[in-house]
Amino acid sequence: MHLQRLLREPPAALVSGIVDTDLPSLELQRTRWRRSPAYFAAYNLVCGPVVDEENHLLGAVSVDDVLDHLLPDDWRERELPELSGAEGVT
């Protein structure tokens, strides 16, 4: 489901009623980290469901998971670039 839709629903609404069944899932065997950024960008998602062959939910992959996989292993030890004054950053 799209996060914005979830946030707009009344608190008592069931999640099962707003699941977007047209949205493709990430199958565990077919999940390829190289393709994941395009999946998240194409559907404007912050996380994607991972399902098995029988479409049972196994978990989720988040944008953070994808970034952690794509960045170098030591990226956390490196000095972060200065973001103050960057356009569009608040």
PDB file of N, CA and C in Angstrom:
ATOM      1  N   MET A   1       0.837  -1.167   0.000  1.00  0.00           N
ATOM      2  CA  MET A   1       0.000   0.000   0.000  1.00  0.00           C
ATOM      3  C   MET A   1       0.883   1.230   0.000  1.00  0.00           C
ATOM      4  N   HIS A   2       0.355   2.287  -0.448  1.00  0.00           N
ATOM      5  CA  HIS A   2       1.088   3.538  -0.463  1.00  0.00           C
ATOM      6  C   HIS A   2       0.940   4.215   0.894  1.00  0.00           C
ATOM      7  N   LEU A   3       2.034   4.727   1.411  1.00  0.00           N
ATOM      8  CA  LEU A   3       2.061   5.329   2.743  1.00  0.00           C
ATOM      9  C   LEU A   3       1.060   6.479   2.869  1.00  0.00           C
ATOM     10  N   GLN A   4       0.958   7.308   1.851  1.00  0.00           N
ATOM     11  CA  GLN A   4       0.017   8.427   1.913  1.00  0.00           C
ATOM     12  C   GLN A   4      -1.425   7.948   2.074  1.00  0.00           C
ATOM     13  N   ARG A   5      -1.773   6.891   1.394  1.00  0.00           N
ATOM     14  CA  ARG A   5      -3.133   6.349   1.527  1.00  0.00           C
ATOM     15  C   ARG A   5      -3.359   5.829   2.937  1.00  0.00           C
ATOM     16  N   LEU A   6      -2.373   5.123   3.475  1.00  0.00           N
ATOM     17  CA  LEU A   6      -2.478   4.605   4.832  1.00  0.00           C
ATOM     18  C   LEU A   6      -2.687   5.737   5.836  1.00  0.00           C
ATOM     19  N   LEU A   7      -1.964   6.822   5.663  1.00  0.00           N
ATOM     20  CA  LEU A   7      -2.076   7.960   6.584  1.00  0.00           C
ATOM     21  C   LEU A   7      -3.423   8.668   6.480  1.00  0.00           C
ATOM     22  N   ARG A   8      -4.061   8.585   5.335  1.00  0.00           N
ATOM     23  CA  ARG A   8      -5.352   9.264   5.145  1.00  0.00           C
ATOM     24  C   ARG A   8      -6.554   8.460   5.629  1.00  0.00           C
ATOM     25  N   GLU A   9      -6.366   7.169   5.838  1.00  0.00           N
ATOM     26  CA  GLU A   9      -7.477   6.312   6.252  1.00  0.00           C
ATOM     27  C   GLU A   9      -7.824   6.554   7.727  1.00  0.00           C
ATOM     28  N   PRO A  10      -9.094   6.345   8.106  1.00  0.00           N
ATOM     29  CA  PRO A  10      -9.471   6.474   9.511  1.00  0.00           C
ATOM     30  C   PRO A  10      -8.740   5.430  10.365  1.00  0.00           C
ATOM     31  N   PRO A  11      -8.462   5.746  11.613  1.00  0.00           N
ATOM     32  CA  PRO A  11      -7.719   4.812  12.470  1.00  0.00           C
ATOM     33  C   PRO A  11      -8.358   3.427  12.592  1.00  0.00           C
ATOM     34  N   ALA A  12      -9.660   3.339  12.484  1.00  0.00           N
ATOM     35  CA  ALA A  12     -10.336   2.051  12.646  1.00  0.00           C
ATOM     36  C   ALA A  12     -10.343   1.217  11.357  1.00  0.00           C
ATOM     37  N   ALA A  13      -9.879   1.785  10.251  1.00  0.00           N
ATOM     38  CA  ALA A  13      -9.895   1.055   8.979  1.00  0.00           C
ATOM     39  C   ALA A  13      -8.932  -0.129   9.038  1.00  0.00           C
ATOM     40  N   LEU A  14      -9.348  -1.234   8.435  1.00  0.00           N
ATOM     41  CA  LEU A  14      -8.490  -2.411   8.360  1.00  0.00           C
ATOM     42  C   LEU A  14      -7.473  -2.248   7.238  1.00  0.00           C
ATOM     43  N   VAL A  15      -6.255  -2.616   7.506  1.00  0.00           N
ATOM     44  CA  VAL A  15      -5.195  -2.523   6.506  1.00  0.00           C
ATOM     45  C   VAL A  15      -5.539  -3.377   5.286  1.00  0.00           C
ATOM     46  N   SER A  16      -6.155  -4.507   5.506  1.00  0.00           N
ATOM     47  CA  SER A  16      -6.503  -5.390   4.389  1.00  0.00           C
ATOM     48  C   SER A  16      -7.435  -4.715   3.389  1.00  0.00           C
ATOM     49  N   GLY A  17      -8.152  -3.708   3.823  1.00  0.00           N
ATOM     50  CA  GLY A  17      -9.077  -3.013   2.932  1.00  0.00           C
ATOM     51  C   GLY A  17      -8.407  -1.991   2.036  1.00  0.00           C
ATOM     52  N   ILE A  18      -7.162  -1.632   2.321  1.00  0.00           N
ATOM     53  CA  ILE A  18      -6.490  -0.618   1.508  1.00  0.00           C
ATOM     54  C   ILE A  18      -5.231  -1.131   0.818  1.00  0.00           C
ATOM     55  N   VAL A  19      -5.000  -2.435   0.882  1.00  0.00           N
ATOM     56  CA  VAL A  19      -3.845  -3.015   0.211  1.00  0.00           C
ATOM     57  C   VAL A  19      -4.022  -2.881  -1.293  1.00  0.00           C
ATOM     58  N   ASP A  20      -2.995  -2.400  -1.963  1.00  0.00           N
ATOM     59  CA  ASP A  20      -3.014  -2.255  -3.425  1.00  0.00           C
ATOM     60  C   ASP A  20      -2.567  -3.579  -4.043  1.00  0.00           C
ATOM     61  N   THR A  21      -3.519  -4.378  -4.480  1.00  0.00           N
ATOM     62  CA  THR A  21      -3.202  -5.700  -5.022  1.00  0.00           C
ATOM     63  C   THR A  21      -2.586  -5.627  -6.416  1.00  0.00           C
ATOM     64  N   ASP A  22      -2.650  -4.460  -7.066  1.00  0.00           N
ATOM     65  CA  ASP A  22      -2.032  -4.282  -8.377  1.00  0.00           C
ATOM     66  C   ASP A  22      -0.532  -4.001  -8.270  1.00  0.00           C
ATOM     67  N   LEU A  23      -0.076  -3.664  -7.089  1.00  0.00           N
ATOM     68  CA  LEU A  23       1.333  -3.363  -6.866  1.00  0.00           C
ATOM     69  C   LEU A  23       2.141  -4.651  -6.837  1.00  0.00           C
ATOM     70  N   PRO A  24       3.154  -4.781  -7.682  1.00  0.00           N
ATOM     71  CA  PRO A  24       3.940  -6.020  -7.680  1.00  0.00           C
ATOM     72  C   PRO A  24       4.714  -6.193  -6.379  1.00  0.00           C
ATOM     73  N   SER A  25       4.867  -7.431  -5.953  1.00  0.00           N
ATOM     74  CA  SER A  25       5.631  -7.754  -4.753  1.00  0.00           C
ATOM     75  C   SER A  25       7.051  -8.128  -5.147  1.00  0.00           C
ATOM     76  N   LEU A  26       7.928  -8.150  -4.161  1.00  0.00           N
ATOM     77  CA  LEU A  26       9.294  -8.599  -4.369  1.00  0.00           C
ATOM     78  C   LEU A  26       9.355 -10.061  -3.958  1.00  0.00           C
ATOM     79  N   GLU A  27       9.517 -10.957  -4.926  1.00  0.00           N
ATOM     80  CA  GLU A  27       9.621 -12.373  -4.595  1.00  0.00           C
ATOM     81  C   GLU A  27      11.032 -12.637  -4.081  1.00  0.00           C
ATOM     82  N   LEU A  28      11.119 -13.394  -3.001  1.00  0.00           N
ATOM     83  CA  LEU A  28      12.395 -13.625  -2.340  1.00  0.00           C
ATOM     84  C   LEU A  28      13.452 -14.141  -3.305  1.00  0.00           C
ATOM     85  N   GLN A  29      13.108 -15.122  -4.116  1.00  0.00           N
ATOM     86  CA  GLN A  29      14.087 -15.702  -5.032  1.00  0.00           C
ATOM     87  C   GLN A  29      14.446 -14.754  -6.171  1.00  0.00           C
ATOM     88  N   ARG A  30      13.560 -13.853  -6.494  1.00  0.00           N
ATOM     89  CA  ARG A  30      13.791 -12.973  -7.647  1.00  0.00           C
ATOM     90  C   ARG A  30      14.265 -11.587  -7.260  1.00  0.00           C
ATOM     91  N   THR A  31      14.310 -11.286  -5.975  1.00  0.00           N
ATOM     92  CA  THR A  31      14.730  -9.956  -5.554  1.00  0.00           C
ATOM     93  C   THR A  31      16.190  -9.751  -5.941  1.00  0.00           C
ATOM     94  N   ARG A  32      16.426  -8.746  -6.701  1.00  0.00           N
ATOM     95  CA  ARG A  32      17.773  -8.387  -7.124  1.00  0.00           C
ATOM     96  C   ARG A  32      18.024  -6.963  -6.658  1.00  0.00           C
ATOM     97  N   TRP A  33      19.088  -6.794  -5.894  1.00  0.00           N
ATOM     98  CA  TRP A  33      19.364  -5.473  -5.326  1.00  0.00           C
ATOM     99  C   TRP A  33      19.563  -4.420  -6.402  1.00  0.00           C
ATOM    100  N   ARG A  34      20.046  -4.803  -7.564  1.00  0.00           N
ATOM    101  CA  ARG A  34      20.238  -3.820  -8.633  1.00  0.00           C
ATOM    102  C   ARG A  34      18.906  -3.301  -9.150  1.00  0.00           C
ATOM    103  N   ARG A  35      17.893  -4.135  -9.104  1.00  0.00           N
ATOM    104  CA  ARG A  35      16.577  -3.721  -9.603  1.00  0.00           C
ATOM    105  C   ARG A  35      15.747  -3.014  -8.537  1.00  0.00           C
ATOM    106  N   SER A  36      16.079  -3.193  -7.292  1.00  0.00           N
ATOM    107  CA  SER A  36      15.283  -2.628  -6.207  1.00  0.00           C
ATOM    108  C   SER A  36      15.150  -1.112  -6.263  1.00  0.00           C
ATOM    109  N   PRO A  37      16.205  -0.345  -6.539  1.00  0.00           N
ATOM    110  CA  PRO A  37      16.027   1.121  -6.587  1.00  0.00           C
ATOM    111  C   PRO A  37      14.986   1.538  -7.621  1.00  0.00           C
ATOM    112  N   ALA A  38      14.970   0.887  -8.775  1.00  0.00           N
ATOM    113  CA  ALA A  38      13.986   1.229  -9.801  1.00  0.00           C
ATOM    114  C   ALA A  38      12.571   0.887  -9.334  1.00  0.00           C
ATOM    115  N   TYR A  39      12.415  -0.214  -8.623  1.00  0.00           N
ATOM    116  CA  TYR A  39      11.105  -0.612  -8.079  1.00  0.00           C
ATOM    117  C   TYR A  39      10.578   0.460  -7.126  1.00  0.00           C
ATOM    118  N   PHE A  40      11.426   0.893  -6.183  1.00  0.00           N
ATOM    119  CA  PHE A  40      11.003   1.903  -5.215  1.00  0.00           C
ATOM    120  C   PHE A  40      10.725   3.243  -5.882  1.00  0.00           C
ATOM    121  N   ALA A  41      11.532   3.606  -6.859  1.00  0.00           N
ATOM    122  CA  ALA A  41      11.333   4.873  -7.560  1.00  0.00           C
ATOM    123  C   ALA A  41      10.081   4.835  -8.431  1.00  0.00           C
ATOM    124  N   ALA A  42       9.871   3.730  -9.130  1.00  0.00           N
ATOM    125  CA  ALA A  42       8.726   3.633 -10.041  1.00  0.00           C
ATOM    126  C   ALA A  42       7.396   3.730  -9.303  1.00  0.00           C
ATOM    127  N   TYR A  43       7.339   3.135  -8.117  1.00  0.00           N
ATOM    128  CA  TYR A  43       6.083   3.114  -7.376  1.00  0.00           C
ATOM    129  C   TYR A  43       6.076   4.097  -6.207  1.00  0.00           C
ATOM    130  N   ASN A  44       7.142   4.882  -6.064  1.00  0.00           N
ATOM    131  CA  ASN A  44       7.234   5.896  -5.017  1.00  0.00           C
ATOM    132  C   ASN A  44       6.979   5.287  -3.636  1.00  0.00           C
ATOM    133  N   LEU A  45       7.707   4.219  -3.325  1.00  0.00           N
ATOM    134  CA  LEU A  45       7.522   3.485  -2.078  1.00  0.00           C
ATOM    135  C   LEU A  45       8.668   3.710  -1.109  1.00  0.00           C
ATOM    136  N   VAL A  46       8.399   3.497   0.173  1.00  0.00           N
ATOM    137  CA  VAL A  46       9.456   3.524   1.185  1.00  0.00           C
ATOM    138  C   VAL A  46       9.802   2.107   1.637  1.00  0.00           C
ATOM    139  N   CYS A  47       8.916   1.154   1.351  1.00  0.00           N
ATOM    140  CA  CYS A  47       9.226  -0.253   1.594  1.00  0.00           C
ATOM    141  C   CYS A  47       8.363  -1.099   0.657  1.00  0.00           C
ATOM    142  N   GLY A  48       8.858  -2.305   0.395  1.00  0.00           N
ATOM    143  CA  GLY A  48       8.142  -3.201  -0.511  1.00  0.00           C
ATOM    144  C   GLY A  48       7.993  -4.569   0.116  1.00  0.00           C
ATOM    145  N   PRO A  49       6.859  -5.218  -0.106  1.00  0.00           N
ATOM    146  CA  PRO A  49       6.618  -6.529   0.474  1.00  0.00           C
ATOM    147  C   PRO A  49       7.438  -7.616  -0.207  1.00  0.00           C
ATOM    148  N   VAL A  50       7.913  -8.564   0.575  1.00  0.00           N
ATOM    149  CA  VAL A  50       8.605  -9.738   0.049  1.00  0.00           C
ATOM    150  C   VAL A  50       7.701 -10.928   0.306  1.00  0.00           C
ATOM    151  N   VAL A  51       7.390 -11.678  -0.764  1.00  0.00           N
ATOM    152  CA  VAL A  51       6.470 -12.812  -0.649  1.00  0.00           C
ATOM    153  C   VAL A  51       7.123 -14.081  -1.169  1.00  0.00           C
ATOM    154  N   ASP A  52       6.551 -15.219  -0.781  1.00  0.00           N
ATOM    155  CA  ASP A  52       7.031 -16.499  -1.300  1.00  0.00           C
ATOM    156  C   ASP A  52       6.226 -16.864  -2.549  1.00  0.00           C
ATOM    157  N   GLU A  53       6.454 -18.093  -3.053  1.00  0.00           N
ATOM    158  CA  GLU A  53       5.787 -18.538  -4.280  1.00  0.00           C
ATOM    159  C   GLU A  53       4.276 -18.588  -4.144  1.00  0.00           C
ATOM    160  N   GLU A  54       3.792 -18.745  -2.925  1.00  0.00           N
ATOM    161  CA  GLU A  54       2.347 -18.829  -2.689  1.00  0.00           C
ATOM    162  C   GLU A  54       1.755 -17.482  -2.272  1.00  0.00           C
ATOM    163  N   ASN A  55       2.538 -16.426  -2.448  1.00  0.00           N
ATOM    164  CA  ASN A  55       2.118 -15.055  -2.155  1.00  0.00           C
ATOM    165  C   ASN A  55       1.897 -14.803  -0.665  1.00  0.00           C
ATOM    166  N   HIS A  56       2.583 -15.564   0.190  1.00  0.00           N
ATOM    167  CA  HIS A  56       2.538 -15.309   1.628  1.00  0.00           C
ATOM    168  C   HIS A  56       3.583 -14.257   1.968  1.00  0.00           C
ATOM    169  N   LEU A  57       3.199 -13.305   2.779  1.00  0.00           N
ATOM    170  CA  LEU A  57       4.116 -12.240   3.170  1.00  0.00           C
ATOM    171  C   LEU A  57       5.224 -12.796   4.056  1.00  0.00           C
ATOM    172  N   LEU A  58       6.461 -12.576   3.647  1.00  0.00           N
ATOM    173  CA  LEU A  58       7.624 -13.026   4.419  1.00  0.00           C
ATOM    174  C   LEU A  58       8.269 -11.878   5.180  1.00  0.00           C
ATOM    175  N   GLY A  59       8.118 -10.688   4.668  1.00  0.00           N
ATOM    176  CA  GLY A  59       8.743  -9.524   5.290  1.00  0.00           C
ATOM    177  C   GLY A  59       8.698  -8.355   4.340  1.00  0.00           C
ATOM    178  N   ALA A  60       9.628  -7.436   4.539  1.00  0.00           N
ATOM    179  CA  ALA A  60       9.659  -6.240   3.706  1.00  0.00           C
ATOM    180  C   ALA A  60      11.097  -5.791   3.503  1.00  0.00           C
ATOM    181  N   VAL A  61      11.319  -5.135   2.392  1.00  0.00           N
ATOM    182  CA  VAL A  61      12.592  -4.481   2.100  1.00  0.00           C
ATOM    183  C   VAL A  61      12.309  -2.988   2.093  1.00  0.00           C
ATOM    184  N   SER A  62      13.104  -2.237   2.823  1.00  0.00           N
ATOM    185  CA  SER A  62      12.902  -0.790   2.883  1.00  0.00           C
ATOM    186  C   SER A  62      13.914  -0.069   2.005  1.00  0.00           C
ATOM    187  N   VAL A  63      13.641   1.191   1.745  1.00  0.00           N
ATOM    188  CA  VAL A  63      14.585   2.023   1.003  1.00  0.00           C
ATOM    189  C   VAL A  63      15.911   2.054   1.746  1.00  0.00           C
ATOM    190  N   ASP A  64      15.882   2.102   3.062  1.00  0.00           N
ATOM    191  CA  ASP A  64      17.112   2.085   3.858  1.00  0.00           C
ATOM    192  C   ASP A  64      17.902   0.802   3.625  1.00  0.00           C
ATOM    193  N   ASP A  65      17.213  -0.332   3.515  1.00  0.00           N
ATOM    194  CA  ASP A  65      17.892  -1.597   3.230  1.00  0.00           C
ATOM    195  C   ASP A  65      18.622  -1.526   1.893  1.00  0.00           C
ATOM    196  N   VAL A  66      17.947  -0.971   0.900  1.00  0.00           N
ATOM    197  CA  VAL A  66      18.539  -0.869  -0.430  1.00  0.00           C
ATOM    198  C   VAL A  66      19.756   0.050  -0.399  1.00  0.00           C
ATOM    199  N   LEU A  67      19.625   1.201   0.257  1.00  0.00           N
ATOM    200  CA  LEU A  67      20.760   2.124   0.347  1.00  0.00           C
ATOM    201  C   LEU A  67      21.932   1.495   1.077  1.00  0.00           C
ATOM    202  N   ASP A  68      21.654   0.805   2.178  1.00  0.00           N
ATOM    203  CA  ASP A  68      22.732   0.137   2.917  1.00  0.00           C
ATOM    204  C   ASP A  68      23.449  -0.880   2.045  1.00  0.00           C
ATOM    205  N   HIS A  69      22.721  -1.561   1.188  1.00  0.00           N
ATOM    206  CA  HIS A  69      23.330  -2.557   0.313  1.00  0.00           C
ATOM    207  C   HIS A  69      24.153  -1.914  -0.799  1.00  0.00           C
ATOM    208  N   LEU A  70      23.685  -0.772  -1.303  1.00  0.00           N
ATOM    209  CA  LEU A  70      24.349  -0.127  -2.427  1.00  0.00           C
ATOM    210  C   LEU A  70      25.572   0.693  -2.017  1.00  0.00           C
ATOM    211  N   LEU A  71      25.550   1.222  -0.795  1.00  0.00           N
ATOM    212  CA  LEU A  71      26.675   2.041  -0.328  1.00  0.00           C
ATOM    213  C   LEU A  71      27.847   1.158   0.077  1.00  0.00           C
ATOM    214  N   PRO A  72      29.063   1.700   0.063  1.00  0.00           N
ATOM    215  CA  PRO A  72      30.220   0.913   0.508  1.00  0.00           C
ATOM    216  C   PRO A  72      30.064   0.494   1.970  1.00  0.00           C
ATOM    217  N   ASP A  73      30.663  -0.636   2.332  1.00  0.00           N
ATOM    218  CA  ASP A  73      30.534  -1.162   3.691  1.00  0.00           C
ATOM    219  C   ASP A  73      30.951  -0.162   4.769  1.00  0.00           C
ATOM    220  N   ASP A  74      31.928   0.664   4.484  1.00  0.00           N
ATOM    221  CA  ASP A  74      32.448   1.596   5.495  1.00  0.00           C
ATOM    222  C   ASP A  74      31.832   2.995   5.401  1.00  0.00           C
ATOM    223  N   TRP A  75      30.702   3.147   4.749  1.00  0.00           N
ATOM    224  CA  TRP A  75      30.147   4.477   4.550  1.00  0.00           C
ATOM    225  C   TRP A  75      29.805   5.177   5.859  1.00  0.00           C
ATOM    226  N   ARG A  76      29.467   4.415   6.899  1.00  0.00           N
ATOM    227  CA  ARG A  76      29.122   5.036   8.182  1.00  0.00           C
ATOM    228  C   ARG A  76      30.342   5.643   8.881  1.00  0.00           C
ATOM    229  N   GLU A  77      31.519   5.110   8.601  1.00  0.00           N
ATOM    230  CA  GLU A  77      32.732   5.626   9.225  1.00  0.00           C
ATOM    231  C   GLU A  77      33.268   6.864   8.505  1.00  0.00           C
ATOM    232  N   ARG A  78      32.832   7.073   7.294  1.00  0.00           N
ATOM    233  CA  ARG A  78      33.295   8.221   6.511  1.00  0.00           C
ATOM    234  C   ARG A  78      32.620   9.498   6.992  1.00  0.00           C
ATOM    235  N   GLU A  79      33.285  10.602   6.765  1.00  0.00           N
ATOM    236  CA  GLU A  79      32.705  11.903   7.110  1.00  0.00           C
ATOM    237  C   GLU A  79      31.589  12.204   6.116  1.00  0.00           C
ATOM    238  N   LEU A  80      30.443  12.593   6.642  1.00  0.00           N
ATOM    239  CA  LEU A  80      29.311  12.908   5.781  1.00  0.00           C
ATOM    240  C   LEU A  80      29.513  14.266   5.131  1.00  0.00           C
ATOM    241  N   PRO A  81      29.050  14.439   3.907  1.00  0.00           N
ATOM    242  CA  PRO A  81      29.162  15.753   3.255  1.00  0.00           C
ATOM    243  C   PRO A  81      28.299  16.767   3.988  1.00  0.00           C
ATOM    244  N   GLU A  82      28.725  17.985   3.970  1.00  0.00           N
ATOM    245  CA  GLU A  82      27.970  19.075   4.611  1.00  0.00           C
ATOM    246  C   GLU A  82      26.666  19.289   3.867  1.00  0.00           C
ATOM    247  N   LEU A  83      25.566  19.239   4.589  1.00  0.00           N
ATOM    248  CA  LEU A  83      24.260  19.395   3.954  1.00  0.00           C
ATOM    249  C   LEU A  83      23.646  20.763   4.189  1.00  0.00           C
ATOM    250  N   SER A  84      24.163  21.527   5.137  1.00  0.00           N
ATOM    251  CA  SER A  84      23.585  22.843   5.397  1.00  0.00           C
ATOM    252  C   SER A  84      23.801  23.730   4.176  1.00  0.00           C
ATOM    253  N   GLY A  85      22.768  24.445   3.827  1.00  0.00           N
ATOM    254  CA  GLY A  85      22.840  25.316   2.666  1.00  0.00           C
ATOM    255  C   GLY A  85      22.512  24.589   1.376  1.00  0.00           C
ATOM    256  N   ALA A  86      22.349  23.271   1.437  1.00  0.00           N
ATOM    257  CA  ALA A  86      22.004  22.530   0.226  1.00  0.00           C
ATOM    258  C   ALA A  86      20.583  22.848  -0.166  1.00  0.00           C
ATOM    259  N   GLU A  87      20.365  23.005  -1.419  1.00  0.00           N
ATOM    260  CA  GLU A  87      19.051  23.352  -1.928  1.00  0.00           C
ATOM    261  C   GLU A  87      18.048  22.241  -1.645  1.00  0.00           C
ATOM    262  N   GLY A  88      16.902  22.614  -1.073  1.00  0.00           N
ATOM    263  CA  GLY A  88      15.844  21.655  -0.837  1.00  0.00           C
ATOM    264  C   GLY A  88      15.984  20.861   0.452  1.00  0.00           C
ATOM    265  N   VAL A  89      17.064  21.060   1.213  1.00  0.00           N
ATOM    266  CA  VAL A  89      17.251  20.330   2.472  1.00  0.00           C
ATOM    267  C   VAL A  89      16.799  21.222   3.602  1.00  0.00           C
ATOM    268  N   THR A  90      15.940  20.673   4.454  1.00  0.00           N
ATOM    269  CA  THR A  90      15.470  21.434   5.600  1.00  0.00           C
ATOM    270  C   THR A  90      15.797  20.741   6.880  1.00  0.00           C
TER     271      THR A  90
END
